[in-house]
């Protein structure tokens, strides 16, 4: 093989390594939290059938992997229609892919309960959102500089 072919193969291997290492998706486009919520609705569930949202504050994992329990371990329940739609209609821009840098900050767990007893679960952090699915989960990186959803949940616990 000529030197040119080796250089071309080397460049291709570097591109594949970068795509794999940084978890770059060539098919995924940015979306919003409300679109992800709507995409995860089943045939039986409808956006209007959300009965309530339960919020739990998660602990903090330090860089040494020590767990610090949350100061307030109470469960907040939102059953007011306006508060529910404020959370669910969030236009927070997120991306299914990319490398999530910060996995040690505090998190909030959202349990969205429907009238028929079904539920959806979300883990909301400053830098990412995790959607719990029946057999696995999806991680979304937050693209906005200010994660309005996380800040709103944090303000509920500070009241």
C-alpha atoms as a PDB file:
ATOM      1  CA  UNK A   1       0.000   0.000   0.000  1.00  0.00           C
ATOM      2  CA  UNK A   2       1.115   3.489  -0.687  1.00  0.00           C
ATOM      3  CA  UNK A   3       1.776   6.101   1.955  1.00  0.00           C
ATOM      4  CA  UNK A   4      -1.343   7.978   0.877  1.00  0.00           C
ATOM      5  CA  UNK A   5      -3.592   5.008   1.716  1.00  0.00           C
ATOM      6  CA  UNK A   6      -2.045   4.710   5.194  1.00  0.00           C
ATOM      7  CA  UNK A   7      -2.689   8.395   5.845  1.00  0.00           C
ATOM      8  CA  UNK A   8      -6.301   8.034   4.670  1.00  0.00           C
ATOM      9  CA  UNK A   9      -6.852   4.967   6.881  1.00  0.00           C
ATOM     10  CA  UNK A  10      -5.282   6.818   9.837  1.00  0.00           C
ATOM     11  CA  UNK A  11      -7.570   9.818   9.359  1.00  0.00           C
ATOM     12  CA  UNK A  12     -10.631   7.562   9.109  1.00  0.00           C
ATOM     13  CA  UNK A  13      -9.657   5.740  12.318  1.00  0.00           C
ATOM     14  CA  UNK A  14      -9.206   9.069  14.118  1.00  0.00           C
ATOM     15  CA  UNK A  15     -12.639  10.247  12.950  1.00  0.00           C
ATOM     16  CA  UNK A  16     -14.265   7.004  14.170  1.00  0.00           C
ATOM     17  CA  UNK A  17     -12.432   7.286  17.493  1.00  0.00           C
ATOM     18  CA  UNK A  18     -13.595  10.895  18.001  1.00  0.00           C
ATOM     19  CA  UNK A  19     -17.201   9.986  17.105  1.00  0.00           C
ATOM     20  CA  UNK A  20     -17.145   7.037  19.510  1.00  0.00           C
ATOM     21  CA  UNK A  21     -15.325   8.774  22.356  1.00  0.00           C
ATOM     22  CA  UNK A  22     -17.460  11.916  22.357  1.00  0.00           C
ATOM     23  CA  UNK A  23     -20.667   9.982  21.618  1.00  0.00           C
ATOM     24  CA  UNK A  24     -21.411  12.143  18.584  1.00  0.00           C
ATOM     25  CA  UNK A  25     -24.621  11.259  16.801  1.00  0.00           C
ATOM     26  CA  UNK A  26     -24.787  12.086  13.122  1.00  0.00           C
ATOM     27  CA  UNK A  27     -28.559  11.627  12.990  1.00  0.00           C
ATOM     28  CA  UNK A  28     -29.782  13.237  16.205  1.00  0.00           C
ATOM     29  CA  UNK A  29     -30.903  16.862  16.195  1.00  0.00           C
ATOM     30  CA  UNK A  30     -31.572  19.074  19.215  1.00  0.00           C
ATOM     31  CA  UNK A  31     -35.087  18.899  20.608  1.00  0.00           C
ATOM     32  CA  UNK A  32     -36.997  20.308  23.572  1.00  0.00           C
ATOM     33  CA  UNK A  33     -38.160  18.763  26.843  1.00  0.00           C
ATOM     34  CA  UNK A  34     -41.825  19.028  25.835  1.00  0.00           C
ATOM     35  CA  UNK A  35     -41.120  17.103  22.595  1.00  0.00           C
ATOM     36  CA  UNK A  36     -39.310  14.344  24.495  1.00  0.00           C
ATOM     37  CA  UNK A  37     -42.227  14.098  26.921  1.00  0.00           C
ATOM     38  CA  UNK A  38     -44.744  13.872  24.057  1.00  0.00           C
ATOM     39  CA  UNK A  39     -42.602  11.303  22.207  1.00  0.00           C
ATOM     40  CA  UNK A  40     -42.621   9.044  25.273  1.00  0.00           C
ATOM     41  CA  UNK A  41     -46.404   9.045  25.625  1.00  0.00           C
ATOM     42  CA  UNK A  42     -47.983   5.684  24.891  1.00  0.00           C
ATOM     43  CA  UNK A  43     -51.202   5.243  22.948  1.00  0.00           C
ATOM     44  CA  UNK A  44     -53.228   5.165  26.168  1.00  0.00           C
ATOM     45  CA  UNK A  45     -51.560   8.225  27.696  1.00  0.00           C
ATOM     46  CA  UNK A  46     -52.433  11.713  26.606  1.00  0.00           C
ATOM     47  CA  UNK A  47     -50.811  15.030  27.493  1.00  0.00           C
ATOM     48  CA  UNK A  48     -54.071  16.222  29.044  1.00  0.00           C
ATOM     49  CA  UNK A  49     -54.350  13.142  31.281  1.00  0.00           C
ATOM     50  CA  UNK A  50     -51.480  14.083  33.590  1.00  0.00           C
ATOM     51  CA  UNK A  51     -52.934  13.815  37.073  1.00  0.00           C
ATOM     52  CA  UNK A  52     -50.006  15.047  39.156  1.00  0.00           C
ATOM     53  CA  UNK A  53     -46.241  15.373  39.282  1.00  0.00           C
ATOM     54  CA  UNK A  54     -44.243  14.160  42.261  1.00  0.00           C
ATOM     55  CA  UNK A  55     -40.798  15.653  42.781  1.00  0.00           C
ATOM     56  CA  UNK A  56     -38.024  14.198  44.927  1.00  0.00           C
ATOM     57  CA  UNK A  57     -34.673  15.814  45.523  1.00  0.00           C
ATOM     58  CA  UNK A  58     -31.726  13.485  45.006  1.00  0.00           C
ATOM     59  CA  UNK A  59     -28.486  13.553  46.912  1.00  0.00           C
ATOM     60  CA  UNK A  60     -25.091  14.716  45.730  1.00  0.00           C
ATOM     61  CA  UNK A  61     -22.261  12.393  44.728  1.00  0.00           C
ATOM     62  CA  UNK A  62     -18.849  13.967  45.315  1.00  0.00           C
ATOM     63  CA  UNK A  63     -15.791  13.449  43.135  1.00  0.00           C
ATOM     64  CA  UNK A  64     -14.670  10.806  45.660  1.00  0.00           C
ATOM     65  CA  UNK A  65     -18.014   9.025  45.114  1.00  0.00           C
ATOM     66  CA  UNK A  66     -19.262   9.876  48.595  1.00  0.00           C
ATOM     67  CA  UNK A  67     -23.037  10.257  48.778  1.00  0.00           C
ATOM     68  CA  UNK A  68     -24.428  13.297  50.573  1.00  0.00           C
ATOM     69  CA  UNK A  69     -28.137  12.990  51.323  1.00  0.00           C
ATOM     70  CA  UNK A  70     -30.384  15.937  50.398  1.00  0.00           C
ATOM     71  CA  UNK A  71     -31.200  18.469  53.095  1.00  0.00           C
ATOM     72  CA  UNK A  72     -34.895  18.177  52.341  1.00  0.00           C
ATOM     73  CA  UNK A  73     -36.045  14.632  51.597  1.00  0.00           C
ATOM     74  CA  UNK A  74     -39.734  15.471  51.356  1.00  0.00           C
ATOM     75  CA  UNK A  75     -41.801  14.695  48.266  1.00  0.00           C
ATOM     76  CA  UNK A  76     -43.449  17.677  46.596  1.00  0.00           C
ATOM     77  CA  UNK A  77     -46.689  16.991  44.747  1.00  0.00           C
ATOM     78  CA  UNK A  78     -47.924  19.317  42.026  1.00  0.00           C
ATOM     79  CA  UNK A  79     -51.557  18.753  41.156  1.00  0.00           C
ATOM     80  CA  UNK A  80     -52.411  22.274  40.022  1.00  0.00           C
ATOM     81  CA  UNK A  81     -52.950  22.259  36.258  1.00  0.00           C
ATOM     82  CA  UNK A  82     -50.981  25.494  35.718  1.00  0.00           C
ATOM     83  CA  UNK A  83     -47.936  24.209  37.623  1.00  0.00           C
ATOM     84  CA  UNK A  84     -48.040  20.896  35.752  1.00  0.00           C
ATOM     85  CA  UNK A  85     -48.145  22.576  32.355  1.00  0.00           C
ATOM     86  CA  UNK A  86     -45.383  25.012  33.352  1.00  0.00           C
ATOM     87  CA  UNK A  87     -43.067  22.041  33.811  1.00  0.00           C
ATOM     88  CA  UNK A  88     -44.272  19.927  30.883  1.00  0.00           C
ATOM     89  CA  UNK A  89     -44.331  22.785  28.352  1.00  0.00           C
ATOM     90  CA  UNK A  90     -40.693  23.668  28.953  1.00  0.00           C
ATOM     91  CA  UNK A  91     -38.858  24.730  25.795  1.00  0.00           C
ATOM     92  CA  UNK A  92     -35.535  23.684  27.319  1.00  0.00           C
ATOM     93  CA  UNK A  93     -33.273  22.644  24.446  1.00  0.00           C
ATOM     94  CA  UNK A  94     -31.723  19.200  24.902  1.00  0.00           C
ATOM     95  CA  UNK A  95     -29.695  16.835  22.743  1.00  0.00           C
ATOM     96  CA  UNK A  96     -29.716  13.046  22.632  1.00  0.00           C
ATOM     97  CA  UNK A  97     -25.996  12.512  22.479  1.00  0.00           C
ATOM     98  CA  UNK A  98     -22.784  14.186  23.395  1.00  0.00           C
ATOM     99  CA  UNK A  99     -20.611  13.588  26.405  1.00  0.00           C
ATOM    100  CA  UNK A 100     -22.149  14.475  29.753  1.00  0.00           C
ATOM    101  CA  UNK A 101     -19.364  16.043  31.771  1.00  0.00           C
ATOM    102  CA  UNK A 102     -20.941  16.660  35.161  1.00  0.00           C
ATOM    103  CA  UNK A 103     -22.474  13.592  36.765  1.00  0.00           C
ATOM    104  CA  UNK A 104     -21.886  14.667  40.359  1.00  0.00           C
ATOM    105  CA  UNK A 105     -24.276  17.581  40.860  1.00  0.00           C
ATOM    106  CA  UNK A 106     -27.606  17.485  42.647  1.00  0.00           C
ATOM    107  CA  UNK A 107     -30.592  16.037  40.836  1.00  0.00           C
ATOM    108  CA  UNK A 108     -34.364  16.022  41.024  1.00  0.00           C
ATOM    109  CA  UNK A 109     -36.569  13.062  40.203  1.00  0.00           C
ATOM    110  CA  UNK A 110     -39.857  13.751  38.416  1.00  0.00           C
ATOM    111  CA  UNK A 111     -42.596  11.149  38.577  1.00  0.00           C
ATOM    112  CA  UNK A 112     -45.342  12.144  36.151  1.00  0.00           C
ATOM    113  CA  UNK A 113     -48.535  10.303  37.099  1.00  0.00           C
ATOM    114  CA  UNK A 114     -51.453   9.845  34.691  1.00  0.00           C
ATOM    115  CA  UNK A 115     -55.151   9.397  35.441  1.00  0.00           C
ATOM    116  CA  UNK A 116     -55.015   5.723  34.404  1.00  0.00           C
ATOM    117  CA  UNK A 117     -52.215   4.950  36.892  1.00  0.00           C
ATOM    118  CA  UNK A 118     -49.356   4.984  34.380  1.00  0.00           C
ATOM    119  CA  UNK A 119     -46.230   7.020  35.080  1.00  0.00           C
ATOM    120  CA  UNK A 120     -43.134   8.434  33.445  1.00  0.00           C
ATOM    121  CA  UNK A 121     -39.873   9.039  35.303  1.00  0.00           C
ATOM    122  CA  UNK A 122     -37.270  11.709  34.642  1.00  0.00           C
ATOM    123  CA  UNK A 123     -34.000  12.584  36.352  1.00  0.00           C
ATOM    124  CA  UNK A 124     -33.302  16.324  36.030  1.00  0.00           C
ATOM    125  CA  UNK A 125     -29.813  17.720  36.679  1.00  0.00           C
ATOM    126  CA  UNK A 126     -28.192  21.028  35.763  1.00  0.00           C
ATOM    127  CA  UNK A 127     -26.274  19.556  32.811  1.00  0.00           C
ATOM    128  CA  UNK A 128     -28.453  16.645  31.690  1.00  0.00           C
ATOM    129  CA  UNK A 129     -31.849  14.924  31.737  1.00  0.00           C
ATOM    130  CA  UNK A 130     -32.331  11.162  31.920  1.00  0.00           C
ATOM    131  CA  UNK A 131     -35.573   9.604  30.696  1.00  0.00           C
ATOM    132  CA  UNK A 132     -36.352   6.240  32.315  1.00  0.00           C
ATOM    133  CA  UNK A 133     -37.880   3.846  29.811  1.00  0.00           C
ATOM    134  CA  UNK A 134     -39.287   0.359  30.547  1.00  0.00           C
ATOM    135  CA  UNK A 135     -36.132  -1.513  29.490  1.00  0.00           C
ATOM    136  CA  UNK A 136     -33.452   1.176  29.501  1.00  0.00           C
ATOM    137  CA  UNK A 137     -32.930   4.920  29.675  1.00  0.00           C
ATOM    138  CA  UNK A 138     -31.981   7.835  27.414  1.00  0.00           C
ATOM    139  CA  UNK A 139     -29.602  10.620  28.373  1.00  0.00           C
ATOM    140  CA  UNK A 140     -30.067  14.121  27.021  1.00  0.00           C
ATOM    141  CA  UNK A 141     -27.485  16.852  27.336  1.00  0.00           C
ATOM    142  CA  UNK A 142     -28.881  20.312  28.180  1.00  0.00           C
ATOM    143  CA  UNK A 143     -27.875  22.794  25.480  1.00  0.00           C
ATOM    144  CA  UNK A 144     -29.176  26.010  27.060  1.00  0.00           C
ATOM    145  CA  UNK A 145     -26.842  28.007  29.304  1.00  0.00           C
ATOM    146  CA  UNK A 146     -29.596  28.272  31.907  1.00  0.00           C
ATOM    147  CA  UNK A 147     -31.510  25.073  32.700  1.00  0.00           C
ATOM    148  CA  UNK A 148     -34.874  26.668  33.526  1.00  0.00           C
ATOM    149  CA  UNK A 149     -36.458  23.356  34.495  1.00  0.00           C
ATOM    150  CA  UNK A 150     -33.736  22.531  37.038  1.00  0.00           C
ATOM    151  CA  UNK A 151     -33.818  26.073  38.421  1.00  0.00           C
ATOM    152  CA  UNK A 152     -37.610  25.923  38.827  1.00  0.00           C
ATOM    153  CA  UNK A 153     -37.450  22.607  40.682  1.00  0.00           C
ATOM    154  CA  UNK A 154     -34.677  23.944  42.893  1.00  0.00           C
ATOM    155  CA  UNK A 155     -36.765  27.028  43.699  1.00  0.00           C
ATOM    156  CA  UNK A 156     -39.664  24.799  44.799  1.00  0.00           C
ATOM    157  CA  UNK A 157     -37.423  23.199  47.420  1.00  0.00           C
ATOM    158  CA  UNK A 158     -36.022  26.550  48.542  1.00  0.00           C
ATOM    159  CA  UNK A 159     -39.490  27.922  49.366  1.00  0.00           C
END
